Amino acid sequence: MTSPAEKRAAFRALHREGCFVMPNPWDVGSAIALQSLGFKAIASTSAGMAWAMGRPDGAVTREAVLSHLAALAAATHIPLNADFENGFADDPEGVAASVSLAVDAGVAGLSIEDFTGDPAAPLYDFTLAVERIAAAREAIGASGVVLTARAEGFLRGRPDLDEILRRLTAFADAGADCLYAPLLPGEAEIATVVRAVAPSPVNVLADSLPVATLAGLGVRRISVGSLARVAWGGFLDAAREIANAGTFGGFSRGAKGGDIKAALTAGA
């Protein structure tokens, strides 16, 4: 099995040139299957994990997330980036404590959001947001874990590109290795972010733009957060058909057991 240090070194190398896609498994089985398809790295998904536990996104404890991360890291030999939400704390000291635990869980990278969890005031004050990233950087220390700082404005109803740029550049100065603003609305905004934080790598959330286009804009990393929704969509469509029509057409769209076994065997 590849060591945490080797995974972290490989993850850092992926950010130096080119563009790679980082899909999001929601459990050990989906992580192994993605590994079998040749992806170079994977990332946890807070929403996918929460849904698998019967909870809404953001309603899972830090302890449960850490256990989940440790299981994914132990089951795979490629780097794992942790969707670590807001670090499970508001204050920088609490963020640092949580980040230390994530490093111990064996992750190769982790992301910290500037989202407070309060819809009425969704973003941390600028100074506090930067201090939280600096605290995460200090907690990571010499472990080699890649720190991604997220500016959540577009995702949380505060679509101010100038403020996004101010935060991302400050996060980079505070020690973030990779910068991420989910739901940037178009190519122009993506290109602007890439230029603003260069030479730091930028992560973009997959949407309608293909990999080649994003790579051409200078994006280094692409997150694919919607795979769990795709799986839930197929499941709910088939279940609703059974419940409402009494027919089983959804079964024809399901993966064959042999294909699933092959993916799990190849990825183990």
Protein backbone atom coordinates (compact mmCIF):
# COMPACT_ATOMS: atom_id res chain seq x y z
CA MET A 1 0.00 0.00 0.00
CA THR A 2 1.23 3.48 -0.85
CA SER A 3 2.26 5.48 2.24
CA PRO A 4 0.64 8.81 3.20
CA ALA A 5 3.92 10.59 2.42
CA GLU A 6 4.02 9.07 -1.06
CA LYS A 7 0.39 10.04 -1.72
CA ARG A 8 1.05 13.60 -0.59
CA ALA A 9 4.10 13.92 -2.81
CA ALA A 10 2.12 12.56 -5.76
CA PHE A 11 -0.73 14.98 -5.06
CA ARG A 12 1.60 17.96 -4.97
CA ALA A 13 3.15 16.87 -8.25
CA LEU A 14 -0.29 16.77 -9.91
CA HIS A 15 -0.73 20.49 -9.15
CA ARG A 16 2.51 21.59 -10.82
CA GLU A 17 1.48 21.23 -14.47
CA GLY A 18 -1.36 20.11 -16.68
CA CYS A 19 -4.94 19.63 -15.53
CA PHE A 20 -6.44 16.65 -13.71
CA VAL A 21 -9.96 15.61 -12.73
CA MET A 22 -10.64 14.68 -9.12
CA PRO A 23 -13.97 12.80 -8.76
CA ASN A 24 -15.78 12.45 -5.46
CA PRO A 25 -16.61 9.02 -4.03
CA TRP A 26 -19.09 8.81 -1.16
CA ASP A 27 -18.00 5.46 0.30
CA VAL A 28 -15.19 2.91 0.09
CA GLY A 29 -16.80 1.01 -2.79
CA SER A 30 -17.18 4.08 -5.00
CA ALA A 31 -13.62 5.15 -4.11
CA ILE A 32 -12.19 1.82 -5.22
CA ALA A 33 -14.26 1.89 -8.41
CA LEU A 34 -12.98 5.37 -9.31
CA GLN A 35 -9.44 4.25 -8.64
CA SER A 36 -9.96 1.34 -11.03
CA LEU A 37 -10.83 3.80 -13.81
CA GLY A 38 -7.40 5.39 -13.65
CA PHE A 39 -8.10 8.66 -11.88
CA LYS A 40 -4.95 10.11 -10.32
CA ALA A 41 -6.68 11.43 -7.18
CA ILE A 42 -10.07 11.46 -5.48
CA ALA A 43 -11.84 13.78 -3.06
CA SER A 44 -14.40 13.10 -0.39
CA THR A 45 -17.82 14.71 -0.64
CA SER A 46 -19.51 16.06 2.48
CA ALA A 47 -22.91 15.88 0.80
CA GLY A 48 -22.50 12.35 -0.54
CA MET A 49 -21.32 11.05 2.80
CA ALA A 50 -24.15 12.79 4.66
CA TRP A 51 -26.81 11.43 2.30
CA ALA A 52 -25.45 7.90 2.72
CA MET A 53 -25.94 8.37 6.48
CA GLY A 54 -29.49 9.68 6.04
CA ARG A 55 -28.53 13.26 6.94
CA PRO A 56 -28.45 16.56 5.06
CA ASP A 57 -25.18 18.06 3.93
CA GLY A 58 -23.40 19.77 6.82
CA ALA A 59 -25.08 17.69 9.52
CA VAL A 60 -22.31 15.12 10.07
CA THR A 61 -19.99 15.31 13.07
CA ARG A 62 -16.27 15.88 12.83
CA GLU A 63 -15.65 12.45 14.34
CA ALA A 64 -17.77 10.74 11.69
CA VAL A 65 -16.00 12.65 8.90
CA LEU A 66 -12.56 11.75 10.25
CA SER A 67 -13.52 8.07 10.43
CA HIS A 68 -14.83 8.27 6.86
CA LEU A 69 -11.62 9.92 5.63
CA ALA A 70 -9.46 7.32 7.33
CA ALA A 71 -11.47 4.53 5.69
CA LEU A 72 -11.18 6.07 2.21
CA ALA A 73 -7.45 6.70 2.63
CA ALA A 74 -6.79 3.18 3.86
CA ALA A 75 -8.77 1.57 1.02
CA THR A 76 -7.01 3.37 -1.85
CA HIS A 77 -3.47 3.92 -3.08
CA ILE A 78 -4.09 7.26 -4.81
CA PRO A 79 -4.21 10.67 -3.07
CA LEU A 80 -7.35 11.63 -1.19
CA ASN A 81 -8.41 15.26 -0.79
CA ALA A 82 -10.78 15.93 2.10
CA ASP A 83 -13.87 18.07 1.71
CA PHE A 84 -13.33 19.41 5.21
CA GLU A 85 -16.13 21.98 5.17
CA ASN A 86 -15.35 24.92 7.50
CA GLY A 87 -12.85 22.94 9.56
CA PHE A 88 -15.60 22.16 12.07
CA ALA A 89 -14.85 25.36 13.97
CA ASP A 90 -15.26 29.09 13.68
CA ASP A 91 -12.10 30.22 15.46
CA PRO A 92 -8.62 29.65 14.02
CA GLU A 93 -7.56 27.54 17.00
CA GLY A 94 -10.44 25.16 16.45
CA VAL A 95 -9.69 24.94 12.73
CA ALA A 96 -6.07 24.08 13.52
CA ALA A 97 -7.13 21.31 15.91
CA SER A 98 -9.45 19.79 13.31
CA VAL A 99 -6.86 20.01 10.54
CA SER A 100 -4.30 18.20 12.70
CA LEU A 101 -6.76 15.34 13.10
CA ALA A 102 -7.39 15.21 9.33
CA VAL A 103 -3.65 15.00 8.70
CA ASP A 104 -3.48 12.08 11.12
CA ALA A 105 -6.33 10.39 9.19
CA GLY A 106 -4.00 10.04 6.18
CA VAL A 107 -5.38 12.57 3.70
CA ALA A 108 -3.15 14.00 0.97
CA GLY A 109 -5.01 17.30 0.88
CA LEU A 110 -7.92 19.14 2.45
CA SER A 111 -10.07 22.17 1.75
CA ILE A 112 -11.30 24.82 4.16
CA GLU A 113 -14.34 26.97 3.33
CA ASP A 114 -15.10 30.55 4.34
CA PHE A 115 -18.79 29.57 4.76
CA THR A 116 -20.15 30.12 8.27
CA GLY A 117 -23.16 27.83 7.98
CA ASP A 118 -25.49 30.77 8.69
CA PRO A 119 -27.58 31.71 5.60
CA ALA A 120 -28.15 35.22 6.99
CA ALA A 121 -24.40 35.87 7.25
CA PRO A 122 -22.87 33.14 5.10
CA LEU A 123 -19.25 34.29 4.90
CA TYR A 124 -16.73 34.77 7.66
CA ASP A 125 -15.40 38.30 8.06
CA PHE A 126 -12.44 38.80 5.73
CA THR A 127 -9.81 39.04 8.46
CA LEU A 128 -11.13 35.99 10.30
CA ALA A 129 -11.37 34.01 7.05
CA VAL A 130 -7.69 34.69 6.33
CA GLU A 131 -6.67 33.86 9.90
CA ARG A 132 -8.47 30.52 9.61
CA ILE A 133 -6.44 29.60 6.51
CA ALA A 134 -3.21 30.66 8.21
CA ALA A 135 -4.09 28.45 11.18
CA ALA A 136 -4.76 25.50 8.87
CA ARG A 137 -1.42 26.08 7.17
CA GLU A 138 0.39 26.05 10.51
CA ALA A 139 -1.39 22.87 11.59
CA ILE A 140 -0.40 21.11 8.37
CA GLY A 141 3.23 21.97 9.04
CA ALA A 142 5.76 19.82 7.22
CA SER A 143 3.34 16.94 6.61
CA GLY A 144 3.11 17.67 2.88
CA VAL A 145 -0.69 17.87 2.89
CA VAL A 146 -2.01 20.20 0.17
CA LEU A 147 -4.16 23.02 1.57
CA THR A 148 -7.02 24.31 -0.60
CA ALA A 149 -8.77 27.53 0.44
CA ARG A 150 -12.33 28.02 -0.76
CA ALA A 151 -14.06 31.35 -1.34
CA GLU A 152 -17.75 30.44 -1.24
CA GLY A 153 -19.37 33.69 -2.39
CA PHE A 154 -20.90 32.46 -5.65
CA LEU A 155 -22.13 29.25 -4.01
CA ARG A 156 -23.66 31.05 -1.00
CA GLY A 157 -25.52 33.91 -2.63
CA ARG A 158 -22.75 36.52 -2.45
CA PRO A 159 -21.60 36.66 -6.11
CA ASP A 160 -19.07 39.48 -5.80
CA LEU A 161 -16.09 38.62 -8.01
CA ASP A 162 -13.93 41.43 -6.62
CA GLU A 163 -14.43 40.09 -3.10
CA ILE A 164 -13.73 36.56 -4.29
CA LEU A 165 -10.44 37.74 -5.78
CA ARG A 166 -9.54 39.65 -2.62
CA ARG A 167 -10.11 36.58 -0.51
CA LEU A 168 -8.35 34.12 -2.81
CA THR A 169 -5.22 36.24 -3.11
CA ALA A 170 -5.15 36.74 0.66
CA PHE A 171 -5.63 33.01 1.19
CA ALA A 172 -2.66 32.33 -1.07
CA ASP A 173 -0.56 34.79 0.92
CA ALA A 174 -1.69 33.02 4.12
CA GLY A 175 -0.29 29.70 2.87
CA ALA A 176 -2.98 28.04 0.75
CA ASP A 177 -1.49 25.79 -1.92
CA CYS A 178 -4.58 25.72 -4.17
CA LEU A 179 -7.45 28.19 -4.58
CA TYR A 180 -11.08 27.35 -5.23
CA ALA A 181 -14.21 29.45 -5.81
CA PRO A 182 -17.13 27.09 -6.48
CA LEU A 183 -19.67 27.99 -9.18
CA LEU A 184 -17.74 30.65 -11.05
CA PRO A 185 -20.30 31.59 -13.71
CA GLY A 186 -18.25 31.45 -16.90
CA GLU A 187 -14.99 31.28 -18.76
CA ALA A 188 -14.18 34.96 -18.24
CA GLU A 189 -14.49 34.69 -14.47
CA ILE A 190 -12.46 31.48 -14.36
CA ALA A 191 -9.68 33.07 -16.42
CA THR A 192 -9.72 36.12 -14.15
CA VAL A 193 -9.28 33.98 -11.04
CA VAL A 194 -6.46 31.99 -12.65
CA ARG A 195 -4.60 35.19 -13.52
CA ALA A 196 -5.21 36.78 -10.13
CA VAL A 197 -3.70 33.97 -8.05
CA ALA A 198 -0.97 32.80 -10.47
CA PRO A 199 1.27 30.89 -10.10
CA SER A 200 -0.89 29.14 -7.45
CA PRO A 201 -3.06 26.37 -8.95
CA VAL A 202 -6.81 26.83 -9.24
CA ASN A 203 -9.53 24.23 -8.70
CA VAL A 204 -12.84 24.55 -10.59
CA LEU A 205 -16.10 22.71 -9.99
CA ALA A 206 -17.12 20.65 -13.01
CA ASP A 207 -20.16 22.00 -14.83
CA SER A 208 -20.84 22.21 -18.56
CA LEU A 209 -17.32 23.11 -19.69
CA PRO A 210 -15.21 20.14 -20.84
CA VAL A 211 -11.79 19.33 -19.44
CA ALA A 212 -9.99 20.64 -22.53
CA THR A 213 -11.63 24.06 -22.22
CA LEU A 214 -10.84 24.37 -18.51
CA ALA A 215 -7.26 23.27 -19.11
CA GLY A 216 -6.97 25.92 -21.81
CA LEU A 217 -8.06 28.54 -19.27
CA GLY A 218 -5.20 27.51 -17.00
CA VAL A 219 -7.18 25.44 -14.50
CA ARG A 220 -5.02 22.83 -12.77
CA ARG A 221 -7.68 20.76 -10.97
CA ILE A 222 -11.34 19.93 -11.58
CA SER A 223 -13.63 18.70 -8.81
CA VAL A 224 -16.59 16.48 -9.70
CA GLY A 225 -18.97 16.87 -6.79
CA SER A 226 -22.12 15.60 -8.51
CA LEU A 227 -21.48 11.86 -8.82
CA ALA A 228 -23.46 11.08 -5.68
CA ARG A 229 -26.39 13.07 -7.09
CA VAL A 230 -26.15 11.05 -10.31
CA ALA A 231 -26.32 7.82 -8.31
CA TRP A 232 -29.23 9.07 -6.22
CA GLY A 233 -31.02 10.23 -9.38
CA GLY A 234 -30.91 6.77 -10.92
CA PHE A 235 -31.96 5.13 -7.66
CA LEU A 236 -34.89 7.49 -7.06
CA ASP A 237 -36.12 7.26 -10.66
CA ALA A 238 -36.20 3.46 -10.51
CA ALA A 239 -37.81 3.42 -7.06
CA ARG A 240 -40.49 5.94 -8.07
CA GLU A 241 -41.32 3.91 -11.15
CA ILE A 242 -41.89 0.85 -8.97
CA ALA A 243 -43.93 2.80 -6.41
CA ASN A 244 -46.05 4.76 -8.88
CA ALA A 245 -46.36 2.55 -11.96
CA GLY A 246 -45.62 -0.92 -10.67
CA THR A 247 -43.06 -1.44 -13.44
CA PHE A 248 -39.35 -2.18 -13.33
CA GLY A 249 -37.85 -0.38 -16.31
CA GLY A 250 -35.18 1.21 -14.17
CA PHE A 251 -33.49 -2.14 -13.71
CA SER A 252 -32.41 -2.11 -17.34
CA ARG A 253 -30.35 1.02 -16.68
CA GLY A 254 -28.52 -0.44 -13.70
CA ALA A 255 -24.92 -1.61 -13.72
CA LYS A 256 -24.41 -5.34 -14.10
CA GLY A 257 -23.15 -7.15 -11.04
CA GLY A 258 -20.19 -8.47 -13.00
CA ASP A 259 -19.17 -4.95 -14.02
CA ILE A 260 -19.30 -3.77 -10.42
CA LYS A 261 -17.26 -6.75 -9.28
CA ALA A 262 -14.69 -6.10 -11.99
CA ALA A 263 -14.34 -2.44 -10.99
CA LEU A 264 -13.90 -3.30 -7.32
CA THR A 265 -11.43 -6.05 -8.07
CA ALA A 266 -9.38 -3.92 -10.45
CA GLY A 267 -9.30 -1.00 -8.05
CA ALA A 268 -8.40 -2.92 -4.91
